[in-house]
Amino acid sequence: MTTRATVSILGALLATGSSWVWAHHNTAARYDPDNPITVQGQVVEFVMINPHSRIEVAVEDEQGNIEMWLLEAGSASTMYRRGWRTDDLRPGVSVTATGWPAVDGSSEMSLMRLESDSGKVLEYR
């Protein structure tokens, strides 16, 4: 293979790979950073996984109906480095979460800060 062909192929691969990485991490396309919200509820599940950890929270609305919220946070390694442990948020723990809401109006948010009923504050951003 010629040097010119090798350089062309490598260039194409780098361009394709870099666009995927940037597209995946564009949280502004999925969440609204200009209008953070706060929800209160009880943890249903906390999973520290890659590429994004998640916390499922049961939130009671004004009519008394339970709405399931999905809180998206960082990767497991990022969460661990910031002091998060899987035992911090067991099912049934009451939490107050602040984050960026989903732009499509669904019950999801990109988590910025979470406080448990014990007073432990877990900050992500």
PDB file of N, CA and C in Angstrom:
ATOM      1  N   MET A   1       0.861  -1.173   0.000  1.00  0.00           N
ATOM      2  CA  MET A   1       0.000   0.000   0.000  1.00  0.00           C
ATOM      3  C   MET A   1       0.907   1.236   0.000  1.00  0.00           C
ATOM      4  N   THR A   2       0.527   2.221  -0.747  1.00  0.00           N
ATOM      5  CA  THR A   2       1.349   3.426  -0.834  1.00  0.00           C
ATOM      6  C   THR A   2       1.155   4.293   0.396  1.00  0.00           C
ATOM      7  N   THR A   3       2.101   5.179   0.606  1.00  0.00           N
ATOM      8  CA  THR A   3       2.019   6.096   1.748  1.00  0.00           C
ATOM      9  C   THR A   3       0.800   6.998   1.623  1.00  0.00           C
ATOM     10  N   ARG A   4       0.511   7.428   0.421  1.00  0.00           N
ATOM     11  CA  ARG A   4      -0.633   8.316   0.182  1.00  0.00           C
ATOM     12  C   ARG A   4      -1.957   7.619   0.546  1.00  0.00           C
ATOM     13  N   ALA A   5      -2.103   6.364   0.158  1.00  0.00           N
ATOM     14  CA  ALA A   5      -3.318   5.606   0.470  1.00  0.00           C
ATOM     15  C   ALA A   5      -3.447   5.381   1.972  1.00  0.00           C
ATOM     16  N   THR A   6      -2.316   5.076   2.618  1.00  0.00           N
ATOM     17  CA  THR A   6      -2.329   4.857   4.066  1.00  0.00           C
ATOM     18  C   THR A   6      -2.759   6.117   4.807  1.00  0.00           C
ATOM     19  N   VAL A   7      -2.217   7.247   4.421  1.00  0.00           N
ATOM     20  CA  VAL A   7      -2.567   8.524   5.051  1.00  0.00           C
ATOM     21  C   VAL A   7      -4.042   8.843   4.830  1.00  0.00           C
ATOM     22  N   SER A   8      -4.551   8.589   3.638  1.00  0.00           N
ATOM     23  CA  SER A   8      -5.966   8.848   3.337  1.00  0.00           C
ATOM     24  C   SER A   8      -6.887   7.995   4.197  1.00  0.00           C
ATOM     25  N   ILE A   9      -6.550   6.725   4.328  1.00  0.00           N
ATOM     26  CA  ILE A   9      -7.377   5.823   5.141  1.00  0.00           C
ATOM     27  C   ILE A   9      -7.344   6.239   6.609  1.00  0.00           C
ATOM     28  N   LEU A  10      -6.166   6.523   7.128  1.00  0.00           N
ATOM     29  CA  LEU A  10      -6.065   6.958   8.529  1.00  0.00           C
ATOM     30  C   LEU A  10      -6.817   8.256   8.761  1.00  0.00           C
ATOM     31  N   GLY A  11      -6.733   9.185   7.835  1.00  0.00           N
ATOM     32  CA  GLY A  11      -7.465  10.450   7.956  1.00  0.00           C
ATOM     33  C   GLY A  11      -8.967  10.235   8.007  1.00  0.00           C
ATOM     34  N   ALA A  12      -9.456   9.356   7.143  1.00  0.00           N
ATOM     35  CA  ALA A  12     -10.892   9.060   7.119  1.00  0.00           C
ATOM     36  C   ALA A  12     -11.341   8.409   8.420  1.00  0.00           C
ATOM     37  N   LEU A  13     -10.557   7.494   8.943  1.00  0.00           N
ATOM     38  CA  LEU A  13     -10.906   6.840  10.207  1.00  0.00           C
ATOM     39  C   LEU A  13     -10.914   7.827  11.361  1.00  0.00           C
ATOM     40  N   LEU A  14      -9.937   8.705  11.430  1.00  0.00           N
ATOM     41  CA  LEU A  14      -9.892   9.704  12.498  1.00  0.00           C
ATOM     42  C   LEU A  14     -11.076  10.655  12.409  1.00  0.00           C
ATOM     43  N   ALA A  15     -11.410  11.094  11.220  1.00  0.00           N
ATOM     44  CA  ALA A  15     -12.542  12.009  11.053  1.00  0.00           C
ATOM     45  C   ALA A  15     -13.845  11.344  11.468  1.00  0.00           C
ATOM     46  N   THR A  16     -14.043  10.105  11.096  1.00  0.00           N
ATOM     47  CA  THR A  16     -15.261   9.389  11.455  1.00  0.00           C
ATOM     48  C   THR A  16     -15.338   9.156  12.960  1.00  0.00           C
ATOM     49  N   GLY A  17     -14.269   8.703  13.549  1.00  0.00           N
ATOM     50  CA  GLY A  17     -14.255   8.428  14.990  1.00  0.00           C
ATOM     51  C   GLY A  17     -14.441   9.664  15.826  1.00  0.00           C
ATOM     52  N   SER A  18     -13.820  10.768  15.450  1.00  0.00           N
ATOM     53  CA  SER A  18     -13.929  11.984  16.263  1.00  0.00           C
ATOM     54  C   SER A  18     -15.327  12.568  16.207  1.00  0.00           C
ATOM     55  N   SER A  19     -16.005  12.476  15.077  1.00  0.00           N
ATOM     56  CA  SER A  19     -17.364  13.011  15.017  1.00  0.00           C
ATOM     57  C   SER A  19     -18.305  12.195  15.898  1.00  0.00           C
ATOM     58  N   TRP A  20     -18.091  10.884  15.991  1.00  0.00           N
ATOM     59  CA  TRP A  20     -18.928  10.053  16.857  1.00  0.00           C
ATOM     60  C   TRP A  20     -18.733  10.432  18.317  1.00  0.00           C
ATOM     61  N   VAL A  21     -17.493  10.654  18.724  1.00  0.00           N
ATOM     62  CA  VAL A  21     -17.212  11.006  20.114  1.00  0.00           C
ATOM     63  C   VAL A  21     -17.882  12.308  20.480  1.00  0.00           C
ATOM     64  N   TRP A  22     -17.770  13.318  19.659  1.00  0.00           N
ATOM     65  CA  TRP A  22     -18.388  14.611  19.969  1.00  0.00           C
ATOM     66  C   TRP A  22     -19.911  14.509  19.964  1.00  0.00           C
ATOM     67  N   ALA A  23     -20.479  13.772  19.064  1.00  0.00           N
ATOM     68  CA  ALA A  23     -21.929  13.636  19.016  1.00  0.00           C
ATOM     69  C   ALA A  23     -22.442  12.952  20.264  1.00  0.00           C
ATOM     70  N   HIS A  24     -21.740  11.935  20.742  1.00  0.00           N
ATOM     71  CA  HIS A  24     -22.174  11.202  21.926  1.00  0.00           C
ATOM     72  C   HIS A  24     -22.187  12.078  23.172  1.00  0.00           C
ATOM     73  N   HIS A  25     -21.258  12.998  23.288  1.00  0.00           N
ATOM     74  CA  HIS A  25     -21.136  13.786  24.507  1.00  0.00           C
ATOM     75  C   HIS A  25     -21.788  15.158  24.432  1.00  0.00           C
ATOM     76  N   ASN A  26     -22.635  15.400  23.466  1.00  0.00           N
ATOM     77  CA  ASN A  26     -23.309  16.677  23.352  1.00  0.00           C
ATOM     78  C   ASN A  26     -24.565  16.671  24.207  1.00  0.00           C
ATOM     79  N   THR A  27     -24.418  16.939  25.503  1.00  0.00           N
ATOM     80  CA  THR A  27     -25.558  16.902  26.412  1.00  0.00           C
ATOM     81  C   THR A  27     -26.539  18.039  26.149  1.00  0.00           C
ATOM     82  N   ALA A  28     -26.084  19.150  25.562  1.00  0.00           N
ATOM     83  CA  ALA A  28     -26.980  20.271  25.282  1.00  0.00           C
ATOM     84  C   ALA A  28     -28.037  19.896  24.248  1.00  0.00           C
ATOM     85  N   ALA A  29     -27.778  18.894  23.426  1.00  0.00           N
ATOM     86  CA  ALA A  29     -28.769  18.454  22.448  1.00  0.00           C
ATOM     87  C   ALA A  29     -29.880  17.655  23.114  1.00  0.00           C
ATOM     88  N   ARG A  30     -29.591  17.040  24.230  1.00  0.00           N
ATOM     89  CA  ARG A  30     -30.571  16.192  24.921  1.00  0.00           C
ATOM     90  C   ARG A  30     -31.151  16.843  26.172  1.00  0.00           C
ATOM     91  N   TYR A  31     -30.351  17.680  26.835  1.00  0.00           N
ATOM     92  CA  TYR A  31     -30.768  18.313  28.087  1.00  0.00           C
ATOM     93  C   TYR A  31     -30.689  19.829  27.984  1.00  0.00           C
ATOM     94  N   ASP A  32     -31.474  20.518  28.797  1.00  0.00           N
ATOM     95  CA  ASP A  32     -31.545  21.982  28.779  1.00  0.00           C
ATOM     96  C   ASP A  32     -30.718  22.571  29.923  1.00  0.00           C
ATOM     97  N   PRO A  33     -29.471  22.988  29.648  1.00  0.00           N
ATOM     98  CA  PRO A  33     -28.607  23.499  30.707  1.00  0.00           C
ATOM     99  C   PRO A  33     -29.012  24.884  31.217  1.00  0.00           C
ATOM    100  N   ASP A  34     -29.908  25.560  30.507  1.00  0.00           N
ATOM    101  CA  ASP A  34     -30.318  26.908  30.907  1.00  0.00           C
ATOM    102  C   ASP A  34     -31.448  26.918  31.921  1.00  0.00           C
ATOM    103  N   ASN A  35     -32.090  25.776  32.158  1.00  0.00           N
ATOM    104  CA  ASN A  35     -33.243  25.717  33.059  1.00  0.00           C
ATOM    105  C   ASN A  35     -33.166  24.527  34.004  1.00  0.00           C
ATOM    106  N   PRO A  36     -32.196  24.511  34.925  1.00  0.00           N
ATOM    107  CA  PRO A  36     -32.105  23.371  35.843  1.00  0.00           C
ATOM    108  C   PRO A  36     -33.368  23.240  36.697  1.00  0.00           C
ATOM    109  N   ILE A  37     -33.681  21.999  37.055  1.00  0.00           N
ATOM    110  CA  ILE A  37     -34.848  21.714  37.887  1.00  0.00           C
ATOM    111  C   ILE A  37     -34.425  20.868  39.077  1.00  0.00           C
ATOM    112  N   THR A  38     -35.314  20.767  40.047  1.00  0.00           N
ATOM    113  CA  THR A  38     -35.085  19.939  41.231  1.00  0.00           C
ATOM    114  C   THR A  38     -36.284  19.028  41.429  1.00  0.00           C
ATOM    115  N   VAL A  39     -36.020  17.748  41.709  1.00  0.00           N
ATOM    116  CA  VAL A  39     -37.072  16.786  42.024  1.00  0.00           C
ATOM    117  C   VAL A  39     -36.718  16.086  43.332  1.00  0.00           C
ATOM    118  N   GLN A  40     -37.749  15.642  44.040  1.00  0.00           N
ATOM    119  CA  GLN A  40     -37.561  14.898  45.292  1.00  0.00           C
ATOM    120  C   GLN A  40     -38.283  13.567  45.162  1.00  0.00           C
ATOM    121  N   GLY A  41     -37.650  12.514  45.679  1.00  0.00           N
ATOM    122  CA  GLY A  41     -38.278  11.208  45.617  1.00  0.00           C
ATOM    123  C   GLY A  41     -37.436  10.153  46.293  1.00  0.00           C
ATOM    124  N   GLN A  42     -37.787   8.895  46.038  1.00  0.00           N
ATOM    125  CA  GLN A  42     -37.078   7.769  46.627  1.00  0.00           C
ATOM    126  C   GLN A  42     -36.349   6.979  45.555  1.00  0.00           C
ATOM    127  N   VAL A  43     -35.120   6.595  45.874  1.00  0.00           N
ATOM    128  CA  VAL A  43     -34.310   5.817  44.941  1.00  0.00           C
ATOM    129  C   VAL A  43     -34.959   4.447  44.723  1.00  0.00           C
ATOM    130  N   VAL A  44     -35.058   4.075  43.473  1.00  0.00           N
ATOM    131  CA  VAL A  44     -35.538   2.748  43.100  1.00  0.00           C
ATOM    132  C   VAL A  44     -34.342   1.881  42.724  1.00  0.00           C
ATOM    133  N   GLU A  45     -33.396   2.494  41.973  1.00  0.00           N
ATOM    134  CA  GLU A  45     -32.218   1.749  41.528  1.00  0.00           C
ATOM    135  C   GLU A  45     -31.075   2.728  41.262  1.00  0.00           C
ATOM    136  N   PHE A  46     -29.862   2.308  41.618  1.00  0.00           N
ATOM    137  CA  PHE A  46     -28.653   3.075  41.326  1.00  0.00           C
ATOM    138  C   PHE A  46     -27.664   2.123  40.685  1.00  0.00           C
ATOM    139  N   VAL A  47     -27.275   2.415  39.449  1.00  0.00           N
ATOM    140  CA  VAL A  47     -26.375   1.544  38.715  1.00  0.00           C
ATOM    141  C   VAL A  47     -25.178   2.362  38.233  1.00  0.00           C
ATOM    142  N   MET A  48     -23.993   1.977  38.707  1.00  0.00           N
ATOM    143  CA  MET A  48     -22.765   2.624  38.257  1.00  0.00           C
ATOM    144  C   MET A  48     -22.216   1.802  37.086  1.00  0.00           C
ATOM    145  N   ILE A  49     -22.467   2.298  35.869  1.00  0.00           N
ATOM    146  CA  ILE A  49     -22.040   1.602  34.657  1.00  0.00           C
ATOM    147  C   ILE A  49     -21.439   2.604  33.678  1.00  0.00           C
ATOM    148  N   ASN A  50     -20.848   2.076  32.622  1.00  0.00           N
ATOM    149  CA  ASN A  50     -20.344   2.917  31.544  1.00  0.00           C
ATOM    150  C   ASN A  50     -21.299   2.820  30.363  1.00  0.00           C
ATOM    151  N   PRO A  51     -21.484   3.825  29.565  1.00  0.00           N
ATOM    152  CA  PRO A  51     -20.772   5.088  29.635  1.00  0.00           C
ATOM    153  C   PRO A  51     -21.385   6.084  30.611  1.00  0.00           C
ATOM    154  N   HIS A  52     -22.625   5.861  31.064  1.00  0.00           N
ATOM    155  CA  HIS A  52     -23.262   6.781  32.003  1.00  0.00           C
ATOM    156  C   HIS A  52     -23.951   6.008  33.115  1.00  0.00           C
ATOM    157  N   SER A  53     -23.639   6.367  34.353  1.00  0.00           N
ATOM    158  CA  SER A  53     -24.346   5.779  35.488  1.00  0.00           C
ATOM    159  C   SER A  53     -25.763   6.327  35.501  1.00  0.00           C
ATOM    160  N   ARG A  54     -26.664   5.596  36.143  1.00  0.00           N
ATOM    161  CA  ARG A  54     -28.048   6.065  36.194  1.00  0.00           C
ATOM    162  C   ARG A  54     -28.651   5.808  37.566  1.00  0.00           C
ATOM    163  N   ILE A  55     -29.566   6.691  37.915  1.00  0.00           N
ATOM    164  CA  ILE A  55     -30.309   6.577  39.167  1.00  0.00           C
ATOM    165  C   ILE A  55     -31.780   6.702  38.809  1.00  0.00           C
ATOM    166  N   GLU A  56     -32.546   5.704  39.177  1.00  0.00           N
ATOM    167  CA  GLU A  56     -33.980   5.761  38.943  1.00  0.00           C
ATOM    168  C   GLU A  56     -34.649   6.177  40.242  1.00  0.00           C
ATOM    169  N   VAL A  57     -35.486   7.217  40.164  1.00  0.00           N
ATOM    170  CA  VAL A  57     -36.107   7.792  41.354  1.00  0.00           C
ATOM    171  C   VAL A  57     -37.625   7.859  41.154  1.00  0.00           C
ATOM    172  N   ALA A  58     -38.380   7.432  42.170  1.00  0.00           N
ATOM    173  CA  ALA A  58     -39.841   7.535  42.161  1.00  0.00           C
ATOM    174  C   ALA A  58     -40.218   8.885  42.762  1.00  0.00           C
ATOM    175  N   VAL A  59     -40.853   9.736  41.959  1.00  0.00           N
ATOM    176  CA  VAL A  59     -41.200  11.102  42.363  1.00  0.00           C
ATOM    177  C   VAL A  59     -42.723  11.229  42.378  1.00  0.00           C
ATOM    178  N   GLU A  60     -43.260  11.788  43.450  1.00  0.00           N
ATOM    179  CA  GLU A  60     -44.705  11.993  43.550  1.00  0.00           C
ATOM    180  C   GLU A  60     -45.057  13.361  42.990  1.00  0.00           C
ATOM    181  N   ASP A  61     -46.010  13.406  42.028  1.00  0.00           N
ATOM    182  CA  ASP A  61     -46.416  14.697  41.456  1.00  0.00           C
ATOM    183  C   ASP A  61     -47.499  15.355  42.315  1.00  0.00           C
ATOM    184  N   GLU A  62     -48.006  16.513  41.870  1.00  0.00           N
ATOM    185  CA  GLU A  62     -48.990  17.279  42.647  1.00  0.00           C
ATOM    186  C   GLU A  62     -50.294  16.522  42.900  1.00  0.00           C
ATOM    187  N   GLN A  63     -50.645  15.598  42.000  1.00  0.00           N
ATOM    188  CA  GLN A  63     -51.880  14.822  42.143  1.00  0.00           C
ATOM    189  C   GLN A  63     -51.679  13.540  42.957  1.00  0.00           C
ATOM    190  N   GLY A  64     -50.449  13.303  43.422  1.00  0.00           N
ATOM    191  CA  GLY A  64     -50.169  12.109  44.204  1.00  0.00           C
ATOM    192  C   GLY A  64     -49.772  10.901  43.367  1.00  0.00           C
ATOM    193  N   ASN A  65     -49.626  11.093  42.074  1.00  0.00           N
ATOM    194  CA  ASN A  65     -49.204  10.005  41.190  1.00  0.00           C
ATOM    195  C   ASN A  65     -47.689   9.852  41.237  1.00  0.00           C
ATOM    196  N   ILE A  66     -47.225   8.624  41.150  1.00  0.00           N
ATOM    197  CA  ILE A  66     -45.787   8.351  41.151  1.00  0.00           C
ATOM    198  C   ILE A  66     -45.281   8.381  39.715  1.00  0.00           C
ATOM    199  N   GLU A  67     -44.254   9.168  39.516  1.00  0.00           N
ATOM    200  CA  GLU A  67     -43.619   9.297  38.210  1.00  0.00           C
ATOM    201  C   GLU A  67     -42.173   8.837  38.351  1.00  0.00           C
ATOM    202  N   MET A  68     -41.726   7.975  37.447  1.00  0.00           N
ATOM    203  CA  MET A  68     -40.351   7.479  37.490  1.00  0.00           C
ATOM    204  C   MET A  68     -39.434   8.433  36.735  1.00  0.00           C
ATOM    205  N   TRP A  69     -38.385   8.893  37.417  1.00  0.00           N
ATOM    206  CA  TRP A  69     -37.400   9.783  36.825  1.00  0.00           C
ATOM    207  C   TRP A  69     -36.088   9.036  36.635  1.00  0.00           C
ATOM    208  N   LEU A  70     -35.445   9.282  35.500  1.00  0.00           N
ATOM    209  CA  LEU A  70     -34.139   8.717  35.223  1.00  0.00           C
ATOM    210  C   LEU A  70     -33.114   9.840  35.315  1.00  0.00           C
ATOM    211  N   LEU A  71     -32.170   9.702  36.243  1.00  0.00           N
ATOM    212  CA  LEU A  71     -31.114  10.687  36.427  1.00  0.00           C
ATOM    213  C   LEU A  71     -29.844  10.118  35.819  1.00  0.00           C
ATOM    214  N   GLU A  72     -29.300  10.804  34.837  1.00  0.00           N
ATOM    215  CA  GLU A  72     -28.096  10.333  34.164  1.00  0.00           C
ATOM    216  C   GLU A  72     -26.885  11.055  34.743  1.00  0.00           C
ATOM    217  N   ALA A  73     -25.853  10.289  35.063  1.00  0.00           N
ATOM    218  CA  ALA A  73     -24.626  10.866  35.621  1.00  0.00           C
ATOM    219  C   ALA A  73     -23.433  10.356  34.816  1.00  0.00           C
ATOM    220  N   GLY A  74     -22.238  10.477  35.369  1.00  0.00           N
ATOM    221  CA  GLY A  74     -21.020  10.123  34.650  1.00  0.00           C
ATOM    222  C   GLY A  74     -20.729   8.634  34.635  1.00  0.00           C
ATOM    223  N   SER A  75     -19.601   8.295  34.046  1.00  0.00           N
ATOM    224  CA  SER A  75     -19.170   6.905  33.987  1.00  0.00           C
ATOM    225  C   SER A  75     -18.872   6.387  35.388  1.00  0.00           C
ATOM    226  N   ALA A  76     -18.805   5.087  35.522  1.00  0.00           N
ATOM    227  CA  ALA A  76     -18.542   4.480  36.830  1.00  0.00           C
ATOM    228  C   ALA A  76     -17.220   4.976  37.413  1.00  0.00           C
ATOM    229  N   SER A  77     -16.179   5.058  36.595  1.00  0.00           N
ATOM    230  CA  SER A  77     -14.879   5.502  37.115  1.00  0.00           C
ATOM    231  C   SER A  77     -14.913   6.969  37.529  1.00  0.00           C
ATOM    232  N   THR A  78     -15.607   7.804  36.772  1.00  0.00           N
ATOM    233  CA  THR A  78     -15.731   9.215  37.137  1.00  0.00           C
ATOM    234  C   THR A  78     -16.502   9.348  38.440  1.00  0.00           C
ATOM    235  N   MET A  79     -17.585   8.618  38.557  1.00  0.00           N
ATOM    236  CA  MET A  79     -18.395   8.670  39.780  1.00  0.00           C
ATOM    237  C   MET A  79     -17.569   8.227  40.990  1.00  0.00           C
ATOM    238  N   TYR A  80     -16.812   7.166  40.828  1.00  0.00           N
ATOM    239  CA  TYR A  80     -16.008   6.642  41.924  1.00  0.00           C
ATOM    240  C   TYR A  80     -14.949   7.661  42.356  1.00  0.00           C
ATOM    241  N   ARG A  81     -14.302   8.294  41.382  1.00  0.00           N
ATOM    242  CA  ARG A  81     -13.285   9.307  41.712  1.00  0.00           C
ATOM    243  C   ARG A  81     -13.880  10.501  42.446  1.00  0.00           C
ATOM    244  N   ARG A  82     -15.154  10.769  42.222  1.00  0.00           N
ATOM    245  CA  ARG A  82     -15.815  11.899  42.885  1.00  0.00           C
ATOM    246  C   ARG A  82     -16.457  11.503  44.205  1.00  0.00           C
ATOM    247  N   GLY A  83     -16.199  10.284  44.659  1.00  0.00           N
ATOM    248  CA  GLY A  83     -16.661   9.874  45.974  1.00  0.00           C
ATOM    249  C   GLY A  83     -17.943   9.074  46.021  1.00  0.00           C
ATOM    250  N   TRP A  84     -18.509   8.730  44.885  1.00  0.00           N
ATOM    251  CA  TRP A  84     -19.740   7.957  44.846  1.00  0.00           C
ATOM    252  C   TRP A  84     -19.434   6.478  45.053  1.00  0.00           C
ATOM    253  N   ARG A  85     -20.297   5.811  45.788  1.00  0.00           N
ATOM    254  CA  ARG A  85     -20.214   4.369  45.986  1.00  0.00           C
ATOM    255  C   ARG A  85     -21.616   3.791  45.804  1.00  0.00           C
ATOM    256  N   THR A  86     -21.693   2.554  45.379  1.00  0.00           N
ATOM    257  CA  THR A  86     -23.007   1.960  45.127  1.00  0.00           C
ATOM    258  C   THR A  86     -23.856   1.885  46.396  1.00  0.00           C
ATOM    259  N   ASP A  87     -23.225   1.817  47.548  1.00  0.00           N
ATOM    260  CA  ASP A  87     -23.970   1.769  48.814  1.00  0.00           C
ATOM    261  C   ASP A  87     -24.557   3.121  49.211  1.00  0.00           C
ATOM    262  N   ASP A  88     -24.149   4.202  48.556  1.00  0.00           N
ATOM    263  CA  ASP A  88     -24.638   5.538  48.907  1.00  0.00           C
ATOM    264  C   ASP A  88     -26.123   5.702  48.634  1.00  0.00           C
ATOM    265  N   LEU A  89     -26.632   5.021  47.642  1.00  0.00           N
ATOM    266  CA  LEU A  89     -28.018   5.222  47.220  1.00  0.00           C
ATOM    267  C   LEU A  89     -28.747   3.900  47.080  1.00  0.00           C
ATOM    268  N   ARG A  90     -29.070   3.314  48.188  1.00  0.00           N
ATOM    269  CA  ARG A  90     -29.830   2.063  48.184  1.00  0.00           C
ATOM    270  C   ARG A  90     -31.307   2.347  47.930  1.00  0.00           C
ATOM    271  N   PRO A  91     -32.047   1.369  47.412  1.00  0.00           N
ATOM    272  CA  PRO A  91     -33.480   1.569  47.194  1.00  0.00           C
ATOM    273  C   PRO A  91     -34.183   2.023  48.474  1.00  0.00           C
ATOM    274  N   GLY A  92     -35.059   3.008  48.313  1.00  0.00           N
ATOM    275  CA  GLY A  92     -35.819   3.538  49.442  1.00  0.00           C
ATOM    276  C   GLY A  92     -35.239   4.804  50.036  1.00  0.00           C
ATOM    277  N   VAL A  93     -33.995   5.135  49.737  1.00  0.00           N
ATOM    278  CA  VAL A  93     -33.382   6.359  50.258  1.00  0.00           C
ATOM    279  C   VAL A  93     -34.054   7.559  49.606  1.00  0.00           C
ATOM    280  N   SER A  94     -34.461   8.534  50.426  1.00  0.00           N
ATOM    281  CA  SER A  94     -35.055   9.763  49.903  1.00  0.00           C
ATOM    282  C   SER A  94     -33.949  10.698  49.437  1.00  0.00           C
ATOM    283  N   VAL A  95     -34.165  11.298  48.258  1.00  0.00           N
ATOM    284  CA  VAL A  95     -33.162  12.177  47.671  1.00  0.00           C
ATOM    285  C   VAL A  95     -33.806  13.432  47.089  1.00  0.00           C
ATOM    286  N   THR A  96     -32.998  14.470  47.001  1.00  0.00           N
ATOM    287  CA  THR A  96     -33.354  15.687  46.280  1.00  0.00           C
ATOM    288  C   THR A  96     -32.304  15.835  45.194  1.00  0.00           C
ATOM    289  N   ALA A  97     -32.749  15.861  43.946  1.00  0.00           N
ATOM    290  CA  ALA A  97     -31.830  15.904  42.812  1.00  0.00           C
ATOM    291  C   ALA A  97     -32.038  17.176  42.003  1.00  0.00           C
ATOM    292  N   THR A  98     -30.933  17.791  41.618  1.00  0.00           N
ATOM    293  CA  THR A  98     -30.964  18.973  40.766  1.00  0.00           C
ATOM    294  C   THR A  98     -30.171  18.667  39.504  1.00  0.00           C
ATOM    295  N   GLY A  99     -30.729  19.063  38.377  1.00  0.00           N
ATOM    296  CA  GLY A  99     -30.041  18.798  37.117  1.00  0.00           C
ATOM    297  C   GLY A  99     -30.722  19.460  35.951  1.00  0.00           C
ATOM    298  N   TRP A 100     -30.223  19.135  34.773  1.00  0.00           N
ATOM    299  CA  TRP A 100     -30.767  19.675  33.533  1.00  0.00           C
ATOM    300  C   TRP A 100     -31.863  18.756  33.018  1.00  0.00           C
ATOM    301  N   PRO A 101     -33.069  19.284  32.789  1.00  0.00           N
ATOM    302  CA  PRO A 101     -34.169  18.441  32.309  1.00  0.00           C
ATOM    303  C   PRO A 101     -34.002  18.075  30.835  1.00  0.00           C
ATOM    304  N   ALA A 102     -34.634  16.990  30.442  1.00  0.00           N
ATOM    305  CA  ALA A 102     -34.633  16.565  29.044  1.00  0.00           C
ATOM    306  C   ALA A 102     -35.389  17.589  28.206  1.00  0.00           C
ATOM    307  N   VAL A 103     -34.861  17.923  27.038  1.00  0.00           N
ATOM    308  CA  VAL A 103     -35.509  18.912  26.180  1.00  0.00           C
ATOM    309  C   VAL A 103     -36.817  18.395  25.587  1.00  0.00           C
ATOM    310  N   ASP A 104     -36.991  17.063  25.535  1.00  0.00           N
ATOM    311  CA  ASP A 104     -38.218  16.514  24.969  1.00  0.00           C
ATOM    312  C   ASP A 104     -39.354  16.408  25.985  1.00  0.00           C
ATOM    313  N   GLY A 105     -39.123  16.883  27.210  1.00  0.00           N
ATOM    314  CA  GLY A 105     -40.176  16.876  28.229  1.00  0.00           C
ATOM    315  C   GLY A 105     -40.323  15.564  28.974  1.00  0.00           C
ATOM    316  N   SER A 106     -39.501  14.570  28.664  1.00  0.00           N
ATOM    317  CA  SER A 106     -39.585  13.290  29.378  1.00  0.00           C
ATOM    318  C   SER A 106     -39.039  13.437  30.793  1.00  0.00           C
ATOM    319  N   SER A 107     -39.285  12.468  31.609  1.00  0.00           N
ATOM    320  CA  SER A 107     -38.879  12.496  33.022  1.00  0.00           C
ATOM    321  C   SER A 107     -37.439  12.031  33.166  1.00  0.00           C
ATOM    322  N   GLU A 108     -36.537  12.795  32.581  1.00  0.00           N
ATOM    323  CA  GLU A 108     -35.108  12.498  32.642  1.00  0.00           C
ATOM    324  C   GLU A 108     -34.354  13.787  32.934  1.00  0.00           C
ATOM    325  N   MET A 109     -33.179  13.630  33.537  1.00  0.00           N
ATOM    326  CA  MET A 109     -32.317  14.783  33.742  1.00  0.00           C
ATOM    327  C   MET A 109     -30.862  14.363  33.748  1.00  0.00           C
ATOM    328  N   SER A 110     -30.026  15.308  33.396  1.00  0.00           N
ATOM    329  CA  SER A 110     -28.587  15.142  33.527  1.00  0.00           C
ATOM    330  C   SER A 110     -28.235  15.671  34.908  1.00  0.00           C
ATOM    331  N   LEU A 111     -27.789  14.803  35.774  1.00  0.00           N
ATOM    332  CA  LEU A 111     -27.610  15.118  37.189  1.00  0.00           C
ATOM    333  C   LEU A 111     -26.449  16.080  37.437  1.00  0.00           C
ATOM    334  N   MET A 112     -26.710  17.080  38.274  1.00  0.00           N
ATOM    335  CA  MET A 112     -25.682  18.017  38.718  1.00  0.00           C
ATOM    336  C   MET A 112     -25.370  17.812  40.196  1.00  0.00           C
ATOM    337  N   ARG A 113     -26.415  17.634  41.005  1.00  0.00           N
ATOM    338  CA  ARG A 113     -26.251  17.549  42.458  1.00  0.00           C
ATOM    339  C   ARG A 113     -27.348  16.674  43.033  1.00  0.00           C
ATOM    340  N   LEU A 114     -26.989  15.888  44.041  1.00  0.00           N
ATOM    341  CA  LEU A 114     -27.963  15.032  44.692  1.00  0.00           C
ATOM    342  C   LEU A 114     -27.690  15.030  46.189  1.00  0.00           C
ATOM    343  N   GLU A 115     -28.734  15.188  46.984  1.00  0.00           N
ATOM    344  CA  GLU A 115     -28.608  15.154  48.441  1.00  0.00           C
ATOM    345  C   GLU A 115     -29.518  14.068  48.988  1.00  0.00           C
ATOM    346  N   SER A 116     -28.951  13.204  49.838  1.00  0.00           N
ATOM    347  CA  SER A 116     -29.746  12.118  50.413  1.00  0.00           C
ATOM    348  C   SER A 116     -30.416  12.591  51.692  1.00  0.00           C
ATOM    349  N   ASP A 117     -31.380  11.794  52.183  1.00  0.00           N
ATOM    350  CA  ASP A 117     -32.091  12.158  53.401  1.00  0.00           C
ATOM    351  C   ASP A 117     -31.168  12.196  54.619  1.00  0.00           C
ATOM    352  N   SER A 118     -30.017  11.566  54.531  1.00  0.00           N
ATOM    353  CA  SER A 118     -29.048  11.601  55.639  1.00  0.00           C
ATOM    354  C   SER A 118     -28.209  12.885  55.616  1.00  0.00           C
ATOM    355  N   GLY A 119     -28.381  13.683  54.554  1.00  0.00           N
ATOM    356  CA  GLY A 119     -27.633  14.929  54.440  1.00  0.00           C
ATOM    357  C   GLY A 119     -26.380  14.817  53.609  1.00  0.00           C
ATOM    358  N   LYS A 120     -26.076  13.637  53.105  1.00  0.00           N
ATOM    359  CA  LYS A 120     -24.890  13.462  52.271  1.00  0.00           C
ATOM    360  C   LYS A 120     -25.128  14.092  50.902  1.00  0.00           C
ATOM    361  N   VAL A 121     -24.207  14.945  50.510  1.00  0.00           N
ATOM    362  CA  VAL A 121     -24.324  15.620  49.222  1.00  0.00           C
ATOM    363  C   VAL A 121     -23.357  14.966  48.247  1.00  0.00           C
ATOM    364  N   LEU A 122     -23.881  14.595  47.103  1.00  0.00           N
ATOM    365  CA  LEU A 122     -23.084  14.002  46.045  1.00  0.00           C
ATOM    366  C   LEU A 122     -23.181  14.918  44.840  1.00  0.00           C
ATOM    367  N   GLU A 123     -22.084  15.566  44.499  1.00  0.00           N
ATOM    368  CA  GLU A 123     -22.090  16.492  43.361  1.00  0.00           C
ATOM    369  C   GLU A 123     -21.418  15.855  42.173  1.00  0.00           C
ATOM    370  N   TYR A 124     -22.014  16.059  41.022  1.00  0.00           N
ATOM    371  CA  TYR A 124     -21.448  15.498  39.815  1.00  0.00           C
ATOM    372  C   TYR A 124     -20.804  16.592  38.967  1.00  0.00           C
ATOM    373  N   ARG A 125     -21.452  17.704  38.788  1.00  0.00           N
ATOM    374  CA  ARG A 125     -20.886  18.781  37.963  1.00  0.00           C
ATOM    375  C   ARG A 125     -20.307  19.851  38.836  1.00  0.00           C
TER     376      ARG A 125
END
